[in-house]
Amino acid sequence: MIQNITFQKIELYEKLLPYMNEQLRTAYFSLLTTTPQLYPYLVQVEQVERLNGFRSFDFQITLRAFPTVGSHISVGEDLFTYRISSSQVKLVEYKHLKGPERHHFPPNYLDILR
């Protein structure tokens, strides 16, 4: 059972990562000269709610993400809330919580800060 849950979690991340990366591209455009990347192991599930009761496929999921640039240099923290149904994935809310912070960047990466 644990392996099945882990597999489902990975599958969910794989489905949502393109949506999340697109939002990050837009959100970080004014902050960085490059687009940050998001990896499944840098995403935490904050909350999952089944919206229409037992056996429905209508979920709201909130994810905390830690995007990176280069060799895994953290550029911030973001919160995504998606509504997922059998027919669509919709971003309900996005919050940029923090970053990027200049002191977290090595000297050879400072040029990507706007």
Foldseek 3Di string as FASTA:
>chain_A
DVVVVVVVLVVVCVVCQVVVQVVQCVVCVQWFQDRWHWDSVQKDWDDKDDDPDPPAFWIKTKIKGFTADDPRQTFFIKIWIWIDHPVDIGTPDIDGDDGDDQVSDDPVRNVGTD
